[in-house]
Amino acid sequence: MKKNFINKKIIIELIIDIVFLLLIFYIDNEMDVFFIIFIIVDLIRIIHSIYSTIKLTKLTENMDSVDED
């Protein structure tokens, strides 16, 4: 149950980040330097979240297999 909650939380964060990025692209067509830097930082956050999700999922699977033994 904990694993499902954590995965849903991370997926919701990713969706919010992606929607926010799309809003920035549509609102500011000129793309100031600030927005470019902000988007790069946000993309790094998204990639880190995905990596953390994969790592956490593998860890919980390992813990589940240990519990079953």
PDB file of N, CA and C in Angstrom:
ATOM      1  N   MET A   1       0.824  -1.198   0.000  1.00  0.00           N
ATOM      2  CA  MET A   1       0.000   0.000   0.000  1.00  0.00           C
ATOM      3  C   MET A   1       0.866   1.260   0.000  1.00  0.00           C
ATOM      4  N   LYS A   2       1.941   1.225   0.762  1.00  0.00           N
ATOM      5  CA  LYS A   2       2.833   2.376   0.826  1.00  0.00           C
ATOM      6  C   LYS A   2       3.458   2.642  -0.546  1.00  0.00           C
ATOM      7  N   LYS A   3       3.825   1.570  -1.238  1.00  0.00           N
ATOM      8  CA  LYS A   3       4.456   1.711  -2.548  1.00  0.00           C
ATOM      9  C   LYS A   3       3.502   2.390  -3.532  1.00  0.00           C
ATOM     10  N   ASN A   4       2.235   1.995  -3.528  1.00  0.00           N
ATOM     11  CA  ASN A   4       1.258   2.593  -4.434  1.00  0.00           C
ATOM     12  C   ASN A   4       1.065   4.071  -4.135  1.00  0.00           C
ATOM     13  N   PHE A   5       1.020   4.412  -2.859  1.00  0.00           N
ATOM     14  CA  PHE A   5       0.850   5.815  -2.473  1.00  0.00           C
ATOM     15  C   PHE A   5       2.032   6.650  -2.948  1.00  0.00           C
ATOM     16  N   ILE A   6       3.242   6.136  -2.754  1.00  0.00           N
ATOM     17  CA  ILE A   6       4.444   6.872  -3.158  1.00  0.00           C
ATOM     18  C   ILE A   6       4.467   7.041  -4.669  1.00  0.00           C
ATOM     19  N   ASN A   7       4.138   5.984  -5.414  1.00  0.00           N
ATOM     20  CA  ASN A   7       4.132   6.075  -6.869  1.00  0.00           C
ATOM     21  C   ASN A   7       3.092   7.079  -7.358  1.00  0.00           C
ATOM     22  N   LYS A   8       1.906   7.073  -6.765  1.00  0.00           N
ATOM     23  CA  LYS A   8       0.868   8.023  -7.168  1.00  0.00           C
ATOM     24  C   LYS A   8       1.302   9.452  -6.873  1.00  0.00           C
ATOM     25  N   LYS A   9       1.942   9.656  -5.735  1.00  0.00           N
ATOM     26  CA  LYS A   9       2.403  10.994  -5.368  1.00  0.00           C
ATOM     27  C   LYS A   9       3.431  11.501  -6.376  1.00  0.00           C
ATOM     28  N   ILE A  10       4.374  10.659  -6.750  1.00  0.00           N
ATOM     29  CA  ILE A  10       5.410  11.074  -7.693  1.00  0.00           C
ATOM     30  C   ILE A  10       4.813  11.316  -9.074  1.00  0.00           C
ATOM     31  N   ILE A  11       3.873  10.484  -9.490  1.00  0.00           N
ATOM     32  CA  ILE A  11       3.236  10.671 -10.793  1.00  0.00           C
ATOM     33  C   ILE A  11       2.464  11.987 -10.822  1.00  0.00           C
ATOM     34  N   ILE A  12       1.775  12.304  -9.743  1.00  0.00           N
ATOM     35  CA  ILE A  12       1.044  13.577  -9.679  1.00  0.00           C
ATOM     36  C   ILE A  12       2.015  14.751  -9.755  1.00  0.00           C
ATOM     37  N   GLU A  13       3.148  14.656  -9.076  1.00  0.00           N
ATOM     38  CA  GLU A  13       4.154  15.722  -9.145  1.00  0.00           C
ATOM     39  C   GLU A  13       4.675  15.890 -10.567  1.00  0.00           C
ATOM     40  N   LEU A  14       4.908  14.780 -11.253  1.00  0.00           N
ATOM     41  CA  LEU A  14       5.391  14.850 -12.631  1.00  0.00           C
ATOM     42  C   LEU A  14       4.360  15.510 -13.542  1.00  0.00           C
ATOM     43  N   ILE A  15       3.098  15.156 -13.369  1.00  0.00           N
ATOM     44  CA  ILE A  15       2.046  15.751 -14.196  1.00  0.00           C
ATOM     45  C   ILE A  15       1.963  17.255 -13.953  1.00  0.00           C
ATOM     46  N   ILE A  16       2.048  17.657 -12.694  1.00  0.00           N
ATOM     47  CA  ILE A  16       2.011  19.090 -12.370  1.00  0.00           C
ATOM     48  C   ILE A  16       3.197  19.809 -13.000  1.00  0.00           C
ATOM     49  N   ASP A  17       4.379  19.210 -12.934  1.00  0.00           N
ATOM     50  CA  ASP A  17       5.562  19.825 -13.539  1.00  0.00           C
ATOM     51  C   ASP A  17       5.403  19.976 -15.046  1.00  0.00           C
ATOM     52  N   ILE A  18       4.904  18.942 -15.702  1.00  0.00           N
ATOM     53  CA  ILE A  18       4.752  18.990 -17.157  1.00  0.00           C
ATOM     54  C   ILE A  18       3.723  20.044 -17.555  1.00  0.00           C
ATOM     55  N   VAL A  19       2.612  20.105 -16.844  1.00  0.00           N
ATOM     56  CA  VAL A  19       1.593  21.123 -17.140  1.00  0.00           C
ATOM     57  C   VAL A  19       2.168  22.521 -16.925  1.00  0.00           C
ATOM     58  N   PHE A  20       2.934  22.685 -15.868  1.00  0.00           N
ATOM     59  CA  PHE A  20       3.544  23.978 -15.586  1.00  0.00           C
ATOM     60  C   PHE A  20       4.511  24.382 -16.698  1.00  0.00           C
ATOM     61  N   LEU A  21       5.302  23.432 -17.167  1.00  0.00           N
ATOM     62  CA  LEU A  21       6.222  23.707 -18.271  1.00  0.00           C
ATOM     63  C   LEU A  21       5.463  24.113 -19.533  1.00  0.00           C
ATOM     64  N   LEU A  22       4.398  23.400 -19.839  1.00  0.00           N
ATOM     65  CA  LEU A  22       3.607  23.734 -21.025  1.00  0.00           C
ATOM     66  C   LEU A  22       3.003  25.133 -20.908  1.00  0.00           C
ATOM     67  N   LEU A  23       2.538  25.477 -19.717  1.00  0.00           N
ATOM     68  CA  LEU A  23       1.997  26.823 -19.507  1.00  0.00           C
ATOM     69  C   LEU A  23       3.056  27.891 -19.756  1.00  0.00           C
ATOM     70  N   ILE A  24       4.260  27.639 -19.285  1.00  0.00           N
ATOM     71  CA  ILE A  24       5.344  28.606 -19.497  1.00  0.00           C
ATOM     72  C   ILE A  24       5.620  28.762 -20.990  1.00  0.00           C
ATOM     73  N   PHE A  25       5.643  27.652 -21.719  1.00  0.00           N
ATOM     74  CA  PHE A  25       5.895  27.725 -23.157  1.00  0.00           C
ATOM     75  C   PHE A  25       4.805  28.530 -23.866  1.00  0.00           C
ATOM     76  N   TYR A  26       3.564  28.343 -23.477  1.00  0.00           N
ATOM     77  CA  TYR A  26       2.472  29.040 -24.151  1.00  0.00           C
ATOM     78  C   TYR A  26       2.366  30.500 -23.727  1.00  0.00           C
ATOM     79  N   ILE A  27       2.651  30.799 -22.485  1.00  0.00           N
ATOM     80  CA  ILE A  27       2.510  32.173 -21.996  1.00  0.00           C
ATOM     81  C   ILE A  27       3.622  33.070 -22.539  1.00  0.00           C
ATOM     82  N   ASP A  28       4.839  32.589 -22.515  1.00  0.00           N
ATOM     83  CA  ASP A  28       5.977  33.434 -22.882  1.00  0.00           C
ATOM     84  C   ASP A  28       6.598  32.931 -24.179  1.00  0.00           C
ATOM     85  N   ASN A  29       6.228  33.525 -25.280  1.00  0.00           N
ATOM     86  CA  ASN A  29       6.754  33.088 -26.576  1.00  0.00           C
ATOM     87  C   ASN A  29       8.172  33.587 -26.817  1.00  0.00           C
ATOM     88  N   GLU A  30       8.551  34.658 -26.156  1.00  0.00           N
ATOM     89  CA  GLU A  30       9.871  35.228 -26.393  1.00  0.00           C
ATOM     90  C   GLU A  30      10.972  34.479 -25.651  1.00  0.00           C
ATOM     91  N   MET A  31      10.626  33.792 -24.609  1.00  0.00           N
ATOM     92  CA  MET A  31      11.565  32.944 -23.862  1.00  0.00           C
ATOM     93  C   MET A  31      12.796  33.706 -23.363  1.00  0.00           C
ATOM     94  N   ASP A  32      12.613  34.432 -22.299  1.00  0.00           N
ATOM     95  CA  ASP A  32      13.739  35.127 -21.676  1.00  0.00           C
ATOM     96  C   ASP A  32      14.741  34.107 -21.132  1.00  0.00           C
ATOM     97  N   VAL A  33      15.903  34.593 -20.802  1.00  0.00           N
ATOM     98  CA  VAL A  33      16.947  33.731 -20.253  1.00  0.00           C
ATOM     99  C   VAL A  33      16.478  33.089 -18.949  1.00  0.00           C
ATOM    100  N   PHE A  34      15.752  33.858 -18.147  1.00  0.00           N
ATOM    101  CA  PHE A  34      15.251  33.326 -16.876  1.00  0.00           C
ATOM    102  C   PHE A  34      14.381  32.101 -17.105  1.00  0.00           C
ATOM    103  N   PHE A  35      13.482  32.191 -18.076  1.00  0.00           N
ATOM    104  CA  PHE A  35      12.575  31.079 -18.333  1.00  0.00           C
ATOM    105  C   PHE A  35      13.314  29.867 -18.886  1.00  0.00           C
ATOM    106  N   ILE A  36      14.310  30.099 -19.715  1.00  0.00           N
ATOM    107  CA  ILE A  36      15.094  28.981 -20.250  1.00  0.00           C
ATOM    108  C   ILE A  36      15.802  28.260 -19.110  1.00  0.00           C
ATOM    109  N   ILE A  37      16.421  29.012 -18.213  1.00  0.00           N
ATOM    110  CA  ILE A  37      17.101  28.407 -17.063  1.00  0.00           C
ATOM    111  C   ILE A  37      16.097  27.682 -16.176  1.00  0.00           C
ATOM    112  N   PHE A  38      14.946  28.304 -15.955  1.00  0.00           N
ATOM    113  CA  PHE A  38      13.913  27.694 -15.120  1.00  0.00           C
ATOM    114  C   PHE A  38      13.441  26.368 -15.716  1.00  0.00           C
ATOM    115  N   ILE A  39      13.246  26.340 -17.023  1.00  0.00           N
ATOM    116  CA  ILE A  39      12.784  25.115 -17.686  1.00  0.00           C
ATOM    117  C   ILE A  39      13.843  24.026 -17.584  1.00  0.00           C
ATOM    118  N   ILE A  40      15.097  24.380 -17.760  1.00  0.00           N
ATOM    119  CA  ILE A  40      16.171  23.386 -17.647  1.00  0.00           C
ATOM    120  C   ILE A  40      16.200  22.802 -16.236  1.00  0.00           C
ATOM    121  N   VAL A  41      16.095  23.657 -15.237  1.00  0.00           N
ATOM    122  CA  VAL A  41      16.095  23.182 -13.848  1.00  0.00           C
ATOM    123  C   VAL A  41      14.890  22.284 -13.590  1.00  0.00           C
ATOM    124  N   ASP A  42      13.740  22.665 -14.117  1.00  0.00           N
ATOM    125  CA  ASP A  42      12.533  21.869 -13.917  1.00  0.00           C
ATOM    126  C   ASP A  42      12.642  20.516 -14.626  1.00  0.00           C
ATOM    127  N   LEU A  43      13.222  20.495 -15.799  1.00  0.00           N
ATOM    128  CA  LEU A  43      13.425  19.222 -16.500  1.00  0.00           C
ATOM    129  C   LEU A  43      14.371  18.312 -15.719  1.00  0.00           C
ATOM    130  N   ILE A  44      15.394  18.895 -15.124  1.00  0.00           N
ATOM    131  CA  ILE A  44      16.303  18.106 -14.290  1.00  0.00           C
ATOM    132  C   ILE A  44      15.546  17.520 -13.105  1.00  0.00           C
ATOM    133  N   ARG A  45      14.638  18.307 -12.507  1.00  0.00           N
ATOM    134  CA  ARG A  45      13.809  17.792 -11.405  1.00  0.00           C
ATOM    135  C   ARG A  45      12.950  16.622 -11.859  1.00  0.00           C
ATOM    136  N   ILE A  46      12.370  16.736 -13.053  1.00  0.00           N
ATOM    137  CA  ILE A  46      11.524  15.662 -13.574  1.00  0.00           C
ATOM    138  C   ILE A  46      12.346  14.397 -13.778  1.00  0.00           C
ATOM    139  N   ILE A  47      13.511  14.533 -14.388  1.00  0.00           N
ATOM    140  CA  ILE A  47      14.372  13.368 -14.621  1.00  0.00           C
ATOM    141  C   ILE A  47      14.788  12.750 -13.293  1.00  0.00           C
ATOM    142  N   HIS A  48      15.116  13.573 -12.318  1.00  0.00           N
ATOM    143  CA  HIS A  48      15.499  13.064 -11.003  1.00  0.00           C
ATOM    144  C   HIS A  48      14.336  12.335 -10.342  1.00  0.00           C
ATOM    145  N   SER A  49      13.127  12.868 -10.493  1.00  0.00           N
ATOM    146  CA  SER A  49      11.949  12.205  -9.918  1.00  0.00           C
ATOM    147  C   SER A  49      11.723  10.837 -10.546  1.00  0.00           C
ATOM    148  N   ILE A  50      11.879  10.762 -11.861  1.00  0.00           N
ATOM    149  CA  ILE A  50      11.709   9.475 -12.542  1.00  0.00           C
ATOM    150  C   ILE A  50      12.767   8.489 -12.057  1.00  0.00           C
ATOM    151  N   TYR A  51      14.012   8.946 -11.966  1.00  0.00           N
ATOM    152  CA  TYR A  51      15.087   8.077 -11.489  1.00  0.00           C
ATOM    153  C   TYR A  51      14.809   7.603 -10.063  1.00  0.00           C
ATOM    154  N   SER A  52      14.354   8.515  -9.204  1.00  0.00           N
ATOM    155  CA  SER A  52      14.048   8.149  -7.818  1.00  0.00           C
ATOM    156  C   SER A  52      12.902   7.149  -7.757  1.00  0.00           C
ATOM    157  N   THR A  53      11.914   7.328  -8.619  1.00  0.00           N
ATOM    158  CA  THR A  53      10.788   6.396  -8.659  1.00  0.00           C
ATOM    159  C   THR A  53      11.255   4.999  -9.027  1.00  0.00           C
ATOM    160  N   ILE A  54      12.084   4.913 -10.048  1.00  0.00           N
ATOM    161  CA  ILE A  54      12.591   3.608 -10.484  1.00  0.00           C
ATOM    162  C   ILE A  54      13.420   2.972  -9.373  1.00  0.00           C
ATOM    163  N   LYS A  55      14.286   3.761  -8.756  1.00  0.00           N
ATOM    164  CA  LYS A  55      15.136   3.256  -7.679  1.00  0.00           C
ATOM    165  C   LYS A  55      14.294   2.786  -6.492  1.00  0.00           C
ATOM    166  N   LEU A  56      13.288   3.579  -6.121  1.00  0.00           N
ATOM    167  CA  LEU A  56      12.421   3.245  -4.998  1.00  0.00           C
ATOM    168  C   LEU A  56      11.598   1.994  -5.291  1.00  0.00           C
ATOM    169  N   THR A  57      11.121   1.874  -6.514  1.00  0.00           N
ATOM    170  CA  THR A  57      10.339   0.697  -6.899  1.00  0.00           C
ATOM    171  C   THR A  57      11.191  -0.562  -6.800  1.00  0.00           C
ATOM    172  N   LYS A  58      12.419  -0.490  -7.282  1.00  0.00           N
ATOM    173  CA  LYS A  58      13.314  -1.651  -7.185  1.00  0.00           C
ATOM    174  C   LYS A  58      13.592  -1.999  -5.726  1.00  0.00           C
ATOM    175  N   LEU A  59      13.787  -0.979  -4.904  1.00  0.00           N
ATOM    176  CA  LEU A  59      14.060  -1.202  -3.490  1.00  0.00           C
ATOM    177  C   LEU A  59      12.875  -1.869  -2.801  1.00  0.00           C
ATOM    178  N   THR A  60      11.667  -1.380  -3.072  1.00  0.00           N
ATOM    179  CA  THR A  60      10.487  -1.974  -2.437  1.00  0.00           C
ATOM    180  C   THR A  60      10.244  -3.389  -2.936  1.00  0.00           C
ATOM    181  N   GLU A  61      10.544  -3.650  -4.207  1.00  0.00           N
ATOM    182  CA  GLU A  61      10.404  -5.016  -4.717  1.00  0.00           C
ATOM    183  C   GLU A  61      11.381  -5.945  -4.005  1.00  0.00           C
ATOM    184  N   ASN A  62      12.596  -5.472  -3.786  1.00  0.00           N
ATOM    185  CA  ASN A  62      13.583  -6.277  -3.066  1.00  0.00           C
ATOM    186  C   ASN A  62      13.132  -6.531  -1.631  1.00  0.00           C
ATOM    187  N   MET A  63      12.572  -5.509  -0.996  1.00  0.00           N
ATOM    188  CA  MET A  63      12.097  -5.677   0.379  1.00  0.00           C
ATOM    189  C   MET A  63      10.920  -6.647   0.432  1.00  0.00           C
ATOM    190  N   ASP A  64      10.029  -6.574  -0.562  1.00  0.00           N
ATOM    191  CA  ASP A  64       8.889  -7.488  -0.613  1.00  0.00           C
ATOM    192  C   ASP A  64       9.356  -8.929  -0.774  1.00  0.00           C
ATOM    193  N   SER A  65      10.373  -9.132  -1.609  1.00  0.00           N
ATOM    194  CA  SER A  65      10.866 -10.496  -1.815  1.00  0.00           C
ATOM    195  C   SER A  65      11.549 -11.023  -0.552  1.00  0.00           C
ATOM    196  N   VAL A  66      12.197 -10.146   0.200  1.00  0.00           N
ATOM    197  CA  VAL A  66      12.823 -10.562   1.460  1.00  0.00           C
ATOM    198  C   VAL A  66      11.740 -10.915   2.479  1.00  0.00           C
ATOM    199  N   ASP A  67      10.662 -10.126   2.524  1.00  0.00           N
ATOM    200  CA  ASP A  67       9.557 -10.399   3.447  1.00  0.00           C
ATOM    201  C   ASP A  67       8.892 -11.738   3.147  1.00  0.00           C
ATOM    202  N   GLU A  68       8.800 -12.092   1.870  1.00  0.00           N
ATOM    203  CA  GLU A  68       8.154 -13.350   1.496  1.00  0.00           C
ATOM    204  C   GLU A  68       8.985 -14.552   1.924  1.00  0.00           C
ATOM    205  N   ASP A  69      10.287 -14.392   1.969  1.00  0.00           N
ATOM    206  CA  ASP A  69      11.176 -15.506   2.375  1.00  0.00           C
ATOM    207  C   ASP A  69      11.101 -15.691   3.858  1.00  0.00           C
TER     208      ASP A  69
END
